[in-house]
C-alpha atoms as a PDB file:
ATOM      1  CA  UNK A   1     -36.960  10.610 -17.783  1.00  0.00           C
ATOM      2  CA  UNK A   2     -34.975   9.015 -20.554  1.00  0.00           C
ATOM      3  CA  UNK A   3     -31.540   9.052 -18.259  1.00  0.00           C
ATOM      4  CA  UNK A   4     -31.130   9.191 -14.622  1.00  0.00           C
ATOM      5  CA  UNK A   5     -27.700  10.084 -13.487  1.00  0.00           C
ATOM      6  CA  UNK A   6     -27.056   9.012  -9.949  1.00  0.00           C
ATOM      7  CA  UNK A   7     -23.674   9.895  -7.725  1.00  0.00           C
ATOM      8  CA  UNK A   8     -22.710   8.282  -4.660  1.00  0.00           C
ATOM      9  CA  UNK A   9     -20.414   7.916  -1.586  1.00  0.00           C
ATOM     10  CA  UNK A  10     -19.342   4.806  -0.401  1.00  0.00           C
ATOM     11  CA  UNK A  11     -21.927   3.698   2.447  1.00  0.00           C
ATOM     12  CA  UNK A  12     -24.767   4.183  -0.579  1.00  0.00           C
ATOM     13  CA  UNK A  13     -22.901   2.587  -3.380  1.00  0.00           C
ATOM     14  CA  UNK A  14     -21.605  -0.416  -1.504  1.00  0.00           C
ATOM     15  CA  UNK A  15     -24.394  -1.173   0.866  1.00  0.00           C
ATOM     16  CA  UNK A  16     -27.457   0.668  -0.193  1.00  0.00           C
ATOM     17  CA  UNK A  17     -28.278   1.041  -3.929  1.00  0.00           C
ATOM     18  CA  UNK A  18     -27.630  -2.250  -5.683  1.00  0.00           C
ATOM     19  CA  UNK A  19     -31.330  -3.547  -4.620  1.00  0.00           C
ATOM     20  CA  UNK A  20     -32.988  -0.344  -5.471  1.00  0.00           C
ATOM     21  CA  UNK A  21     -31.288   0.049  -8.714  1.00  0.00           C
ATOM     22  CA  UNK A  22     -32.146  -3.397  -9.963  1.00  0.00           C
ATOM     23  CA  UNK A  23     -35.740  -2.933  -8.984  1.00  0.00           C
ATOM     24  CA  UNK A  24     -36.011   0.499 -10.739  1.00  0.00           C
ATOM     25  CA  UNK A  25     -34.822  -0.838 -13.881  1.00  0.00           C
ATOM     26  CA  UNK A  26     -37.693  -3.407 -13.924  1.00  0.00           C
ATOM     27  CA  UNK A  27     -40.195  -0.538 -13.064  1.00  0.00           C
ATOM     28  CA  UNK A  28     -38.894   2.048 -15.757  1.00  0.00           C
ATOM     29  CA  UNK A  29     -36.981  -0.223 -18.614  1.00  0.00           C
ATOM     30  CA  UNK A  30     -37.180   3.027 -20.729  1.00  0.00           C
ATOM     31  CA  UNK A  31     -34.955   5.075 -18.059  1.00  0.00           C
ATOM     32  CA  UNK A  32     -31.226   4.306 -18.709  1.00  0.00           C
ATOM     33  CA  UNK A  33     -29.106   4.647 -15.646  1.00  0.00           C
ATOM     34  CA  UNK A  34     -25.912   6.353 -15.178  1.00  0.00           C
ATOM     35  CA  UNK A  35     -24.053   5.920 -11.927  1.00  0.00           C
ATOM     36  CA  UNK A  36     -20.875   7.712 -10.497  1.00  0.00           C
ATOM     37  CA  UNK A  37     -19.137   6.679  -7.126  1.00  0.00           C
ATOM     38  CA  UNK A  38     -17.350   9.663  -6.396  1.00  0.00           C
ATOM     39  CA  UNK A  39     -16.174  12.230  -3.511  1.00  0.00           C
ATOM     40  CA  UNK A  40     -18.758  14.520  -1.699  1.00  0.00           C
ATOM     41  CA  UNK A  41     -17.583  17.695  -3.092  1.00  0.00           C
ATOM     42  CA  UNK A  42     -17.397  16.608  -6.662  1.00  0.00           C
ATOM     43  CA  UNK A  43     -20.717  14.955  -6.652  1.00  0.00           C
ATOM     44  CA  UNK A  44     -22.294  18.004  -5.241  1.00  0.00           C
ATOM     45  CA  UNK A  45     -20.745  20.169  -7.583  1.00  0.00           C
ATOM     46  CA  UNK A  46     -21.733  17.491 -10.586  1.00  0.00           C
ATOM     47  CA  UNK A  47     -25.327  17.791  -9.204  1.00  0.00           C
ATOM     48  CA  UNK A  48     -25.676  21.929  -8.908  1.00  0.00           C
ATOM     49  CA  UNK A  49     -24.429  21.850 -12.479  1.00  0.00           C
ATOM     50  CA  UNK A  50     -26.722  19.280 -13.911  1.00  0.00           C
ATOM     51  CA  UNK A  51     -24.354  16.459 -14.508  1.00  0.00           C
ATOM     52  CA  UNK A  52     -25.802  14.619 -11.888  1.00  0.00           C
ATOM     53  CA  UNK A  53     -29.562  14.174 -11.002  1.00  0.00           C
ATOM     54  CA  UNK A  54     -29.491  12.931  -7.720  1.00  0.00           C
ATOM     55  CA  UNK A  55     -26.271  12.453  -5.053  1.00  0.00           C
ATOM     56  CA  UNK A  56     -26.801   9.877  -2.040  1.00  0.00           C
ATOM     57  CA  UNK A  57     -24.303  10.661   1.031  1.00  0.00           C
ATOM     58  CA  UNK A  58     -23.720  12.044   4.290  1.00  0.00           C
ATOM     59  CA  UNK A  59     -24.980  15.923   4.832  1.00  0.00           C
ATOM     60  CA  UNK A  60     -22.032  17.473   6.360  1.00  0.00           C
ATOM     61  CA  UNK A  61     -23.727  20.433   7.258  1.00  0.00           C
ATOM     62  CA  UNK A  62     -22.582  22.618   4.522  1.00  0.00           C
ATOM     63  CA  UNK A  63     -25.421  25.390   3.169  1.00  0.00           C
ATOM     64  CA  UNK A  64     -27.227  23.969   0.206  1.00  0.00           C
ATOM     65  CA  UNK A  65     -28.203  26.077  -3.045  1.00  0.00           C
ATOM     66  CA  UNK A  66     -31.737  27.099  -3.237  1.00  0.00           C
ATOM     67  CA  UNK A  67     -32.507  25.116  -5.728  1.00  0.00           C
ATOM     68  CA  UNK A  68     -31.056  21.652  -3.889  1.00  0.00           C
ATOM     69  CA  UNK A  69     -33.237  19.676  -1.574  1.00  0.00           C
ATOM     70  CA  UNK A  70     -31.862  16.948   0.923  1.00  0.00           C
ATOM     71  CA  UNK A  71     -34.240  13.748   1.957  1.00  0.00           C
ATOM     72  CA  UNK A  72     -32.996  12.251   4.936  1.00  0.00           C
ATOM     73  CA  UNK A  73     -32.977   8.807   5.479  1.00  0.00           C
ATOM     74  CA  UNK A  74     -30.725   7.950   7.956  1.00  0.00           C
ATOM     75  CA  UNK A  75     -27.726   8.864  10.344  1.00  0.00           C
ATOM     76  CA  UNK A  76     -24.196   7.856   9.487  1.00  0.00           C
ATOM     77  CA  UNK A  77     -21.210   7.535  12.539  1.00  0.00           C
ATOM     78  CA  UNK A  78     -17.982   8.183  11.110  1.00  0.00           C
ATOM     79  CA  UNK A  79     -15.428   5.691  12.625  1.00  0.00           C
ATOM     80  CA  UNK A  80     -11.979   4.187  12.239  1.00  0.00           C
ATOM     81  CA  UNK A  81     -10.799   1.180   9.936  1.00  0.00           C
ATOM     82  CA  UNK A  82      -7.792  -0.882  11.480  1.00  0.00           C
ATOM     83  CA  UNK A  83      -6.322  -3.873  10.211  1.00  0.00           C
ATOM     84  CA  UNK A  84      -6.869  -7.140  12.232  1.00  0.00           C
ATOM     85  CA  UNK A  85      -4.047  -7.440  14.848  1.00  0.00           C
ATOM     86  CA  UNK A  86      -3.285  -3.496  14.629  1.00  0.00           C
ATOM     87  CA  UNK A  87      -1.638  -2.648  18.109  1.00  0.00           C
ATOM     88  CA  UNK A  88      -4.804  -0.372  18.823  1.00  0.00           C
ATOM     89  CA  UNK A  89      -7.546  -3.154  17.618  1.00  0.00           C
ATOM     90  CA  UNK A  90      -8.355  -4.672  21.066  1.00  0.00           C
ATOM     91  CA  UNK A  91      -8.974  -0.971  22.683  1.00  0.00           C
ATOM     92  CA  UNK A  92     -12.512  -0.882  24.192  1.00  0.00           C
ATOM     93  CA  UNK A  93     -12.434   2.822  23.286  1.00  0.00           C
ATOM     94  CA  UNK A  94     -10.592   5.166  21.054  1.00  0.00           C
ATOM     95  CA  UNK A  95     -10.183   8.366  21.783  1.00  0.00           C
ATOM     96  CA  UNK A  96      -8.360  11.664  19.976  1.00  0.00           C
ATOM     97  CA  UNK A  97      -4.754  11.147  22.220  1.00  0.00           C
ATOM     98  CA  UNK A  98      -4.413   7.668  21.462  1.00  0.00           C
ATOM     99  CA  UNK A  99      -5.388   8.066  17.162  1.00  0.00           C
ATOM    100  CA  UNK A 100      -3.237  11.331  16.529  1.00  0.00           C
ATOM    101  CA  UNK A 101      -0.319   9.035  16.941  1.00  0.00           C
ATOM    102  CA  UNK A 102      -1.322   7.112  13.886  1.00  0.00           C
ATOM    103  CA  UNK A 103      -0.764   8.009  10.149  1.00  0.00           C
ATOM    104  CA  UNK A 104      -3.839   8.507   8.655  1.00  0.00           C
ATOM    105  CA  UNK A 105      -5.077   7.648   4.753  1.00  0.00           C
ATOM    106  CA  UNK A 106      -7.627  10.082   3.823  1.00  0.00           C
ATOM    107  CA  UNK A 107     -10.469   9.281   1.142  1.00  0.00           C
ATOM    108  CA  UNK A 108     -10.337  12.407  -0.834  1.00  0.00           C
ATOM    109  CA  UNK A 109      -8.028  14.462  -3.252  1.00  0.00           C
ATOM    110  CA  UNK A 110      -7.629  17.818  -1.548  1.00  0.00           C
ATOM    111  CA  UNK A 111      -6.912  19.088   1.957  1.00  0.00           C
ATOM    112  CA  UNK A 112     -10.563  19.879   2.465  1.00  0.00           C
ATOM    113  CA  UNK A 113     -11.680  16.261   2.607  1.00  0.00           C
ATOM    114  CA  UNK A 114      -9.889  16.015   6.137  1.00  0.00           C
ATOM    115  CA  UNK A 115     -12.438  18.655   7.358  1.00  0.00           C
ATOM    116  CA  UNK A 116     -14.305  16.008   9.397  1.00  0.00           C
ATOM    117  CA  UNK A 117     -11.133  14.222  11.069  1.00  0.00           C
ATOM    118  CA  UNK A 118      -9.580  17.499  11.244  1.00  0.00           C
ATOM    119  CA  UNK A 119     -12.554  18.629  13.469  1.00  0.00           C
ATOM    120  CA  UNK A 120     -12.392  15.653  15.794  1.00  0.00           C
ATOM    121  CA  UNK A 121      -8.833  16.174  16.405  1.00  0.00           C
ATOM    122  CA  UNK A 122      -9.439  20.008  16.851  1.00  0.00           C
ATOM    123  CA  UNK A 123     -12.422  19.716  19.237  1.00  0.00           C
ATOM    124  CA  UNK A 124     -10.039  17.516  21.711  1.00  0.00           C
ATOM    125  CA  UNK A 125      -7.045  20.519  21.500  1.00  0.00           C
ATOM    126  CA  UNK A 126      -4.567  17.838  19.897  1.00  0.00           C
ATOM    127  CA  UNK A 127      -2.313  18.885  16.754  1.00  0.00           C
ATOM    128  CA  UNK A 128      -3.680  17.343  13.287  1.00  0.00           C
ATOM    129  CA  UNK A 129      -1.691  14.123  12.922  1.00  0.00           C
ATOM    130  CA  UNK A 130       0.221  12.945   9.965  1.00  0.00           C
ATOM    131  CA  UNK A 131      -1.639  12.562   6.685  1.00  0.00           C
ATOM    132  CA  UNK A 132       0.726  10.963   4.340  1.00  0.00           C
ATOM    133  CA  UNK A 133      -1.771   9.762   1.760  1.00  0.00           C
ATOM    134  CA  UNK A 134      -4.929  11.305   0.246  1.00  0.00           C
ATOM    135  CA  UNK A 135      -6.688   8.867  -2.399  1.00  0.00           C
ATOM    136  CA  UNK A 136      -9.756   9.215  -4.724  1.00  0.00           C
ATOM    137  CA  UNK A 137     -10.269   5.208  -4.443  1.00  0.00           C
ATOM    138  CA  UNK A 138     -12.051   4.065  -1.102  1.00  0.00           C
ATOM    139  CA  UNK A 139     -11.029   0.680  -2.221  1.00  0.00           C
ATOM    140  CA  UNK A 140      -7.391   1.500  -2.490  1.00  0.00           C
ATOM    141  CA  UNK A 141      -7.293   3.233   0.865  1.00  0.00           C
ATOM    142  CA  UNK A 142      -8.781   0.195   2.849  1.00  0.00           C
ATOM    143  CA  UNK A 143      -6.322  -1.882   0.956  1.00  0.00           C
ATOM    144  CA  UNK A 144      -3.159   0.426   2.385  1.00  0.00           C
ATOM    145  CA  UNK A 145      -5.195  -0.066   6.034  1.00  0.00           C
ATOM    146  CA  UNK A 146      -5.337  -3.516   5.851  1.00  0.00           C
ATOM    147  CA  UNK A 147      -1.384  -3.779   4.572  1.00  0.00           C
ATOM    148  CA  UNK A 148      -0.039  -1.553   7.223  1.00  0.00           C
ATOM    149  CA  UNK A 149      -0.593   0.324  10.723  1.00  0.00           C
ATOM    150  CA  UNK A 150      -2.338   3.190   9.282  1.00  0.00           C
ATOM    151  CA  UNK A 151      -6.050   4.295   9.878  1.00  0.00           C
ATOM    152  CA  UNK A 152      -8.699   5.728   7.911  1.00  0.00           C
ATOM    153  CA  UNK A 153     -12.032   7.077   8.583  1.00  0.00           C
ATOM    154  CA  UNK A 154     -15.047   5.068   7.446  1.00  0.00           C
ATOM    155  CA  UNK A 155     -18.588   4.780   8.179  1.00  0.00           C
ATOM    156  CA  UNK A 156     -19.450   2.212  10.807  1.00  0.00           C
ATOM    157  CA  UNK A 157     -22.581   1.193   8.783  1.00  0.00           C
ATOM    158  CA  UNK A 158     -20.027  -0.412   6.256  1.00  0.00           C
ATOM    159  CA  UNK A 159     -18.906  -2.732   8.443  1.00  0.00           C
ATOM    160  CA  UNK A 160     -21.356  -5.513   7.254  1.00  0.00           C
ATOM    161  CA  UNK A 161     -19.955  -4.857   3.688  1.00  0.00           C
ATOM    162  CA  UNK A 162     -16.511  -3.552   3.595  1.00  0.00           C
ATOM    163  CA  UNK A 163     -14.625  -4.855   0.148  1.00  0.00           C
ATOM    164  CA  UNK A 164     -11.492  -5.691   1.510  1.00  0.00           C
ATOM    165  CA  UNK A 165     -11.032  -8.497   3.946  1.00  0.00           C
ATOM    166  CA  UNK A 166      -8.525  -7.941   7.014  1.00  0.00           C
ATOM    167  CA  UNK A 167     -10.108  -4.709   8.494  1.00  0.00           C
ATOM    168  CA  UNK A 168     -12.260  -4.151  11.115  1.00  0.00           C
ATOM    169  CA  UNK A 169     -14.082  -0.883  12.173  1.00  0.00           C
ATOM    170  CA  UNK A 170     -13.925   0.425  15.450  1.00  0.00           C
ATOM    171  CA  UNK A 171     -16.176   3.446  17.192  1.00  0.00           C
ATOM    172  CA  UNK A 172     -14.321   6.298  18.760  1.00  0.00           C
ATOM    173  CA  UNK A 173     -15.251   8.348  22.105  1.00  0.00           C
ATOM    174  CA  UNK A 174     -16.601  10.857  21.286  1.00  0.00           C
ATOM    175  CA  UNK A 175     -17.325  10.316  17.690  1.00  0.00           C
ATOM    176  CA  UNK A 176     -15.655  11.676  15.007  1.00  0.00           C
ATOM    177  CA  UNK A 177     -18.872  12.813  13.300  1.00  0.00           C
ATOM    178  CA  UNK A 178     -22.651  11.798  13.547  1.00  0.00           C
ATOM    179  CA  UNK A 179     -24.549  12.838  10.589  1.00  0.00           C
ATOM    180  CA  UNK A 180     -27.771  12.662   8.626  1.00  0.00           C
ATOM    181  CA  UNK A 181     -27.578  10.758   5.347  1.00  0.00           C
ATOM    182  CA  UNK A 182     -29.728  10.586   2.454  1.00  0.00           C
ATOM    183  CA  UNK A 183     -30.351  12.080  -1.048  1.00  0.00           C
ATOM    184  CA  UNK A 184     -29.681  15.314  -2.516  1.00  0.00           C
ATOM    185  CA  UNK A 185     -31.289  16.580  -5.550  1.00  0.00           C
ATOM    186  CA  UNK A 186     -33.083  19.402  -7.358  1.00  0.00           C
ATOM    187  CA  UNK A 187     -36.539  20.258  -6.058  1.00  0.00           C
ATOM    188  CA  UNK A 188     -37.624  19.774  -9.901  1.00  0.00           C
ATOM    189  CA  UNK A 189     -36.297  16.148 -10.162  1.00  0.00           C
ATOM    190  CA  UNK A 190     -38.746  15.176  -7.308  1.00  0.00           C
ATOM    191  CA  UNK A 191     -41.687  15.517  -9.587  1.00  0.00           C
ATOM    192  CA  UNK A 192     -40.260  12.586 -11.769  1.00  0.00           C
ATOM    193  CA  UNK A 193     -41.618   9.183 -10.920  1.00  0.00           C
ATOM    194  CA  UNK A 194     -38.514   7.136 -11.333  1.00  0.00           C
ATOM    195  CA  UNK A 195     -36.853   9.538  -9.075  1.00  0.00           C
ATOM    196  CA  UNK A 196     -39.430   8.897  -6.064  1.00  0.00           C
ATOM    197  CA  UNK A 197     -39.493   4.955  -6.914  1.00  0.00           C
ATOM    198  CA  UNK A 198     -35.754   5.260  -6.306  1.00  0.00           C
ATOM    199  CA  UNK A 199     -35.887   7.248  -2.933  1.00  0.00           C
ATOM    200  CA  UNK A 200     -38.570   4.923  -1.965  1.00  0.00           C
ATOM    201  CA  UNK A 201     -36.688   1.892  -2.695  1.00  0.00           C
ATOM    202  CA  UNK A 202     -33.415   2.946  -0.855  1.00  0.00           C
ATOM    203  CA  UNK A 203     -35.494   4.004   2.565  1.00  0.00           C
ATOM    204  CA  UNK A 204     -37.068   0.714   2.501  1.00  0.00           C
ATOM    205  CA  UNK A 205     -33.646  -1.009   2.083  1.00  0.00           C
ATOM    206  CA  UNK A 206     -31.993   1.188   4.896  1.00  0.00           C
ATOM    207  CA  UNK A 207     -35.078   0.451   7.403  1.00  0.00           C
ATOM    208  CA  UNK A 208     -34.811  -3.611   6.645  1.00  0.00           C
ATOM    209  CA  UNK A 209     -31.220  -3.450   7.541  1.00  0.00           C
ATOM    210  CA  UNK A 210     -31.479  -1.090  10.770  1.00  0.00           C
END
């Protein structure tokens, strides 16, 4: 495989991919790696159109095309990022009623990217809160949270590796979403040794950290 094109969401790109990429670079020196950090819907569209070979992220329960295959590796719980010292940061449990009063930063660039959060409030019978900012930059979203009283949905497992300081992640009750996460790829791509090696190394890394 001359080129391996990888896409990933925040959890995998920040916490789970660096070590495995370094290892497969040594094992497969003739394969060039192209990595794209992107939004779920953009990455999945690029996978379907053969612009990416594998995408790492959470499975949001959308039906996959027949050509695509999902390799489950872990579960991802979505939590809430708040700045340290936020008025709600000392709450033991954060529910939909309490969180609905906040402004929310949405990691995305379209209304559909707030779908998981919308579902959380709808299940509680609460109107959708204010979403004053959508950003396709995960880091910028966290910087906004660190400097304001806004909230942002972030995977709980990112707590040890947040790229912005002054923020804490909080669980909600019930959870915003709990989803399987892993690798999406075309079935034919599984035949390549470099792809199998990457999947193995990512899974090994996750298992060591859990």
